[in-house]
Amino acid sequence: CPACRMPVAQCACKQARFAGTADGIVRVSRETKGRAGKGVTLISGLALEPVALTALARRLKTACGAGGTVKGSVIELQGDHREAVVDLLRRQGWNSKRSGG
């Protein structure tokens, strides 16, 4: 590992990186800031590795019929899909809730 200089199998910083500040609650919110008034659904608080996060984003985009992306540890879906995303995440066993206004 380039960060902690340990063998990759024994790397401790990898686990700490993906744990982040996740408190076990997935927050689903809507935001328009910096997007010319277009709304996006933000899903944050997921303590997943990038590959697993991308796979989850793909499943959510397919289920909602919308485009989207992964930026850092946040999934962005185009449009307002808060209710559908919260329901889908709860069915998959995630503790999720709506956040914001």
N, C-alpha and C. Protein backbone atom coordinates (compact mmCIF):
# COMPACT_ATOMS: atom_id res chain seq x y z
N CYS A 1 0.85 -1.18 0.00
CA CYS A 1 0.00 0.00 0.00
C CYS A 1 0.90 1.24 0.00
N PRO A 2 0.66 2.18 -0.92
CA PRO A 2 1.50 3.36 -0.96
C PRO A 2 1.30 4.30 0.24
N ALA A 3 0.19 4.22 0.90
CA ALA A 3 -0.08 5.14 2.01
C ALA A 3 0.56 4.68 3.32
N CYS A 4 0.39 3.39 3.66
CA CYS A 4 0.89 2.92 4.96
C CYS A 4 2.12 2.03 4.84
N ARG A 5 2.57 1.72 3.63
CA ARG A 5 3.77 0.92 3.36
C ARG A 5 3.67 -0.51 3.88
N MET A 6 2.45 -1.01 4.03
CA MET A 6 2.22 -2.39 4.45
C MET A 6 1.86 -3.21 3.22
N PRO A 7 2.01 -4.54 3.30
CA PRO A 7 1.50 -5.38 2.20
C PRO A 7 0.00 -5.14 2.02
N VAL A 8 -0.46 -5.21 0.80
CA VAL A 8 -1.86 -4.89 0.50
C VAL A 8 -2.82 -5.76 1.32
N ALA A 9 -2.47 -7.02 1.55
CA ALA A 9 -3.34 -7.91 2.33
C ALA A 9 -3.46 -7.47 3.78
N GLN A 10 -2.46 -6.76 4.30
CA GLN A 10 -2.46 -6.33 5.69
C GLN A 10 -2.73 -4.84 5.85
N CYS A 11 -3.13 -4.18 4.79
CA CYS A 11 -3.32 -2.73 4.80
C CYS A 11 -4.45 -2.33 5.73
N ALA A 12 -4.14 -1.47 6.68
CA ALA A 12 -5.15 -0.99 7.62
C ALA A 12 -5.80 0.30 7.15
N CYS A 13 -5.10 1.09 6.37
CA CYS A 13 -5.64 2.37 5.95
C CYS A 13 -6.76 2.19 4.92
N LYS A 14 -6.76 1.09 4.15
CA LYS A 14 -7.82 0.83 3.18
C LYS A 14 -9.16 0.68 3.89
N GLN A 15 -9.17 -0.07 4.98
CA GLN A 15 -10.40 -0.26 5.73
C GLN A 15 -10.87 1.05 6.35
N ALA A 16 -9.95 1.86 6.84
CA ALA A 16 -10.31 3.14 7.45
C ALA A 16 -10.85 4.11 6.41
N ARG A 17 -10.29 4.06 5.19
CA ARG A 17 -10.74 4.95 4.12
C ARG A 17 -12.20 4.69 3.76
N PHE A 18 -12.59 3.41 3.68
CA PHE A 18 -13.94 3.11 3.26
C PHE A 18 -14.93 3.20 4.40
N ALA A 19 -14.48 3.12 5.64
CA ALA A 19 -15.38 3.31 6.77
C ALA A 19 -15.80 4.76 6.87
N GLY A 20 -14.87 5.67 6.59
CA GLY A 20 -15.16 7.10 6.55
C GLY A 20 -15.90 7.57 7.79
N THR A 21 -16.88 8.42 7.59
CA THR A 21 -17.68 8.94 8.69
C THR A 21 -19.05 8.29 8.70
N ALA A 22 -19.15 7.15 8.09
CA ALA A 22 -20.45 6.47 8.01
C ALA A 22 -20.91 6.06 9.41
N ASP A 23 -22.14 6.44 9.74
CA ASP A 23 -22.71 6.10 11.03
C ASP A 23 -23.74 4.99 10.91
N GLY A 24 -23.80 4.35 9.76
CA GLY A 24 -24.73 3.26 9.55
C GLY A 24 -26.04 3.70 8.94
N ILE A 25 -26.23 4.99 8.73
CA ILE A 25 -27.46 5.50 8.14
C ILE A 25 -27.15 6.06 6.76
N VAL A 26 -27.88 5.58 5.77
CA VAL A 26 -27.73 6.08 4.40
C VAL A 26 -28.69 7.24 4.24
N ARG A 27 -28.18 8.39 3.87
CA ARG A 27 -29.01 9.59 3.73
C ARG A 27 -29.29 9.86 2.26
N VAL A 28 -30.57 10.08 1.96
CA VAL A 28 -31.02 10.34 0.60
C VAL A 28 -31.61 11.74 0.57
N SER A 29 -31.02 12.62 -0.25
CA SER A 29 -31.47 14.00 -0.30
C SER A 29 -31.57 14.47 -1.75
N ARG A 30 -32.13 15.66 -1.92
CA ARG A 30 -32.27 16.26 -3.25
C ARG A 30 -31.52 17.58 -3.24
N GLU A 31 -30.85 17.88 -4.36
CA GLU A 31 -30.07 19.10 -4.46
C GLU A 31 -30.16 19.67 -5.87
N THR A 32 -30.17 21.00 -5.97
CA THR A 32 -30.17 21.66 -7.27
C THR A 32 -28.98 22.60 -7.41
N LYS A 33 -28.25 22.80 -6.36
CA LYS A 33 -27.15 23.77 -6.33
C LYS A 33 -26.10 23.47 -7.40
N GLY A 34 -25.80 24.46 -8.22
CA GLY A 34 -24.76 24.32 -9.24
C GLY A 34 -25.15 23.49 -10.44
N ARG A 35 -26.45 23.27 -10.61
CA ARG A 35 -26.91 22.43 -11.71
C ARG A 35 -27.96 23.12 -12.57
N ALA A 36 -27.95 24.42 -12.61
CA ALA A 36 -28.88 25.22 -13.41
C ALA A 36 -30.33 24.87 -13.12
N GLY A 37 -30.66 24.64 -11.84
CA GLY A 37 -32.03 24.36 -11.46
C GLY A 37 -32.47 22.92 -11.63
N LYS A 38 -31.63 22.09 -12.21
CA LYS A 38 -31.97 20.67 -12.39
C LYS A 38 -31.72 19.93 -11.08
N GLY A 39 -32.69 19.15 -10.65
CA GLY A 39 -32.57 18.44 -9.38
C GLY A 39 -31.90 17.09 -9.54
N VAL A 40 -31.10 16.72 -8.55
CA VAL A 40 -30.50 15.40 -8.50
C VAL A 40 -30.75 14.80 -7.12
N THR A 41 -30.80 13.49 -7.07
CA THR A 41 -30.94 12.77 -5.81
C THR A 41 -29.55 12.34 -5.38
N LEU A 42 -29.17 12.69 -4.14
CA LEU A 42 -27.86 12.34 -3.60
C LEU A 42 -28.02 11.23 -2.57
N ILE A 43 -27.20 10.20 -2.68
CA ILE A 43 -27.21 9.10 -1.73
C ILE A 43 -25.83 9.08 -1.08
N SER A 44 -25.77 9.35 0.23
CA SER A 44 -24.49 9.42 0.94
C SER A 44 -24.55 8.56 2.20
N GLY A 45 -23.38 8.32 2.77
CA GLY A 45 -23.29 7.54 4.00
C GLY A 45 -23.09 6.06 3.76
N LEU A 46 -22.73 5.68 2.54
CA LEU A 46 -22.49 4.28 2.22
C LEU A 46 -21.01 3.97 2.44
N ALA A 47 -20.73 3.03 3.31
CA ALA A 47 -19.34 2.64 3.58
C ALA A 47 -18.99 1.46 2.69
N LEU A 48 -18.83 1.73 1.39
CA LEU A 48 -18.52 0.68 0.41
C LEU A 48 -17.25 1.02 -0.34
N GLU A 49 -16.61 -0.01 -0.84
CA GLU A 49 -15.46 0.20 -1.71
C GLU A 49 -15.95 0.75 -3.04
N PRO A 50 -15.10 1.42 -3.81
CA PRO A 50 -15.53 2.03 -5.07
C PRO A 50 -16.21 1.07 -6.04
N VAL A 51 -15.74 -0.17 -6.13
CA VAL A 51 -16.34 -1.13 -7.05
C VAL A 51 -17.77 -1.47 -6.62
N ALA A 52 -17.97 -1.71 -5.33
CA ALA A 52 -19.30 -2.02 -4.81
C ALA A 52 -20.22 -0.81 -4.91
N LEU A 53 -19.67 0.38 -4.70
CA LEU A 53 -20.47 1.60 -4.81
C LEU A 53 -20.95 1.81 -6.24
N THR A 54 -20.08 1.55 -7.22
CA THR A 54 -20.45 1.66 -8.62
C THR A 54 -21.52 0.64 -8.99
N ALA A 55 -21.40 -0.58 -8.47
CA ALA A 55 -22.40 -1.61 -8.74
C ALA A 55 -23.76 -1.23 -8.16
N LEU A 56 -23.76 -0.68 -6.94
CA LEU A 56 -25.02 -0.24 -6.34
C LEU A 56 -25.62 0.91 -7.13
N ALA A 57 -24.78 1.84 -7.58
CA ALA A 57 -25.27 2.96 -8.38
C ALA A 57 -25.91 2.45 -9.67
N ARG A 58 -25.31 1.45 -10.28
CA ARG A 58 -25.87 0.88 -11.51
C ARG A 58 -27.26 0.28 -11.26
N ARG A 59 -27.40 -0.45 -10.12
CA ARG A 59 -28.71 -1.03 -9.79
C ARG A 59 -29.75 0.05 -9.52
N LEU A 60 -29.36 1.11 -8.82
CA LEU A 60 -30.30 2.20 -8.52
C LEU A 60 -30.71 2.93 -9.80
N LYS A 61 -29.76 3.18 -10.70
CA LYS A 61 -30.07 3.87 -11.96
C LYS A 61 -31.04 3.04 -12.79
N THR A 62 -30.83 1.73 -12.82
CA THR A 62 -31.73 0.86 -13.58
C THR A 62 -33.12 0.84 -12.96
N ALA A 63 -33.20 0.75 -11.65
CA ALA A 63 -34.49 0.69 -10.96
C ALA A 63 -35.27 1.99 -11.12
N CYS A 64 -34.58 3.13 -11.15
CA CYS A 64 -35.25 4.43 -11.25
C CYS A 64 -35.43 4.87 -12.70
N GLY A 65 -34.74 4.24 -13.61
CA GLY A 65 -34.83 4.64 -15.01
C GLY A 65 -34.22 6.00 -15.25
N ALA A 66 -33.08 6.25 -14.59
CA ALA A 66 -32.45 7.57 -14.67
C ALA A 66 -30.95 7.40 -14.85
N GLY A 67 -30.32 8.47 -15.27
CA GLY A 67 -28.87 8.49 -15.36
C GLY A 67 -28.28 8.88 -14.02
N GLY A 68 -26.98 8.79 -13.92
CA GLY A 68 -26.34 9.17 -12.68
C GLY A 68 -24.87 8.88 -12.71
N THR A 69 -24.22 9.15 -11.58
CA THR A 69 -22.78 8.96 -11.47
C THR A 69 -22.40 8.75 -10.02
N VAL A 70 -21.15 8.37 -9.82
CA VAL A 70 -20.57 8.26 -8.48
C VAL A 70 -19.48 9.31 -8.38
N LYS A 71 -19.59 10.19 -7.41
CA LYS A 71 -18.57 11.21 -7.17
C LYS A 71 -18.06 11.05 -5.75
N GLY A 72 -16.84 10.57 -5.63
CA GLY A 72 -16.29 10.29 -4.31
C GLY A 72 -17.03 9.13 -3.69
N SER A 73 -17.68 9.37 -2.56
CA SER A 73 -18.46 8.32 -1.91
C SER A 73 -19.96 8.63 -1.96
N VAL A 74 -20.35 9.51 -2.89
CA VAL A 74 -21.75 9.91 -3.03
C VAL A 74 -22.27 9.48 -4.39
N ILE A 75 -23.45 8.88 -4.40
CA ILE A 75 -24.11 8.51 -5.66
C ILE A 75 -25.07 9.63 -6.03
N GLU A 76 -25.01 10.08 -7.28
CA GLU A 76 -25.93 11.10 -7.79
C GLU A 76 -26.82 10.49 -8.86
N LEU A 77 -28.13 10.63 -8.69
CA LEU A 77 -29.09 10.20 -9.70
C LEU A 77 -29.80 11.42 -10.26
N GLN A 78 -29.97 11.45 -11.55
CA GLN A 78 -30.65 12.58 -12.18
C GLN A 78 -32.14 12.52 -11.87
N GLY A 79 -32.69 13.62 -11.38
CA GLY A 79 -34.11 13.70 -11.06
C GLY A 79 -34.37 13.46 -9.58
N ASP A 80 -35.64 13.57 -9.22
CA ASP A 80 -36.06 13.40 -7.83
C ASP A 80 -36.60 11.98 -7.64
N HIS A 81 -35.78 11.10 -7.07
CA HIS A 81 -36.16 9.70 -6.87
C HIS A 81 -36.00 9.30 -5.41
N ARG A 82 -36.19 10.25 -4.50
CA ARG A 82 -35.93 9.99 -3.08
C ARG A 82 -36.74 8.84 -2.52
N GLU A 83 -38.03 8.84 -2.74
CA GLU A 83 -38.89 7.80 -2.17
C GLU A 83 -38.53 6.43 -2.71
N ALA A 84 -38.33 6.34 -4.02
CA ALA A 84 -37.99 5.05 -4.63
C ALA A 84 -36.64 4.54 -4.12
N VAL A 85 -35.67 5.42 -3.98
CA VAL A 85 -34.34 5.02 -3.53
C VAL A 85 -34.39 4.55 -2.08
N VAL A 86 -35.10 5.27 -1.22
CA VAL A 86 -35.22 4.87 0.18
C VAL A 86 -35.86 3.49 0.27
N ASP A 87 -36.92 3.25 -0.49
CA ASP A 87 -37.59 1.95 -0.48
C ASP A 87 -36.66 0.84 -0.97
N LEU A 88 -35.96 1.10 -2.07
CA LEU A 88 -35.04 0.09 -2.62
C LEU A 88 -33.92 -0.24 -1.63
N LEU A 89 -33.36 0.77 -1.01
CA LEU A 89 -32.27 0.53 -0.06
C LEU A 89 -32.75 -0.22 1.17
N ARG A 90 -33.94 0.09 1.66
CA ARG A 90 -34.49 -0.62 2.83
C ARG A 90 -34.74 -2.09 2.50
N ARG A 91 -35.23 -2.36 1.28
CA ARG A 91 -35.45 -3.75 0.87
C ARG A 91 -34.14 -4.53 0.77
N GLN A 92 -33.03 -3.83 0.52
CA GLN A 92 -31.73 -4.48 0.42
C GLN A 92 -31.03 -4.56 1.78
N GLY A 93 -31.68 -4.07 2.83
CA GLY A 93 -31.14 -4.19 4.18
C GLY A 93 -30.39 -2.98 4.70
N TRP A 94 -30.37 -1.89 3.96
CA TRP A 94 -29.70 -0.67 4.42
C TRP A 94 -30.63 0.13 5.33
N ASN A 95 -30.08 0.76 6.34
CA ASN A 95 -30.83 1.66 7.20
C ASN A 95 -30.80 3.03 6.52
N SER A 96 -31.85 3.38 5.79
CA SER A 96 -31.85 4.62 5.01
C SER A 96 -32.98 5.53 5.43
N LYS A 97 -32.76 6.83 5.21
CA LYS A 97 -33.79 7.81 5.51
C LYS A 97 -33.61 9.02 4.62
N ARG A 98 -34.71 9.79 4.47
CA ARG A 98 -34.65 11.04 3.70
C ARG A 98 -33.97 12.09 4.54
N SER A 99 -33.22 12.93 3.85
CA SER A 99 -32.48 13.98 4.53
C SER A 99 -32.78 15.31 3.83
N GLY A 100 -32.72 16.39 4.55
CA GLY A 100 -32.98 17.69 3.95
C GLY A 100 -34.44 18.05 3.98
N GLY A 101 -34.82 19.04 3.15
CA GLY A 101 -36.19 19.56 3.18
C GLY A 101 -37.21 18.84 2.45
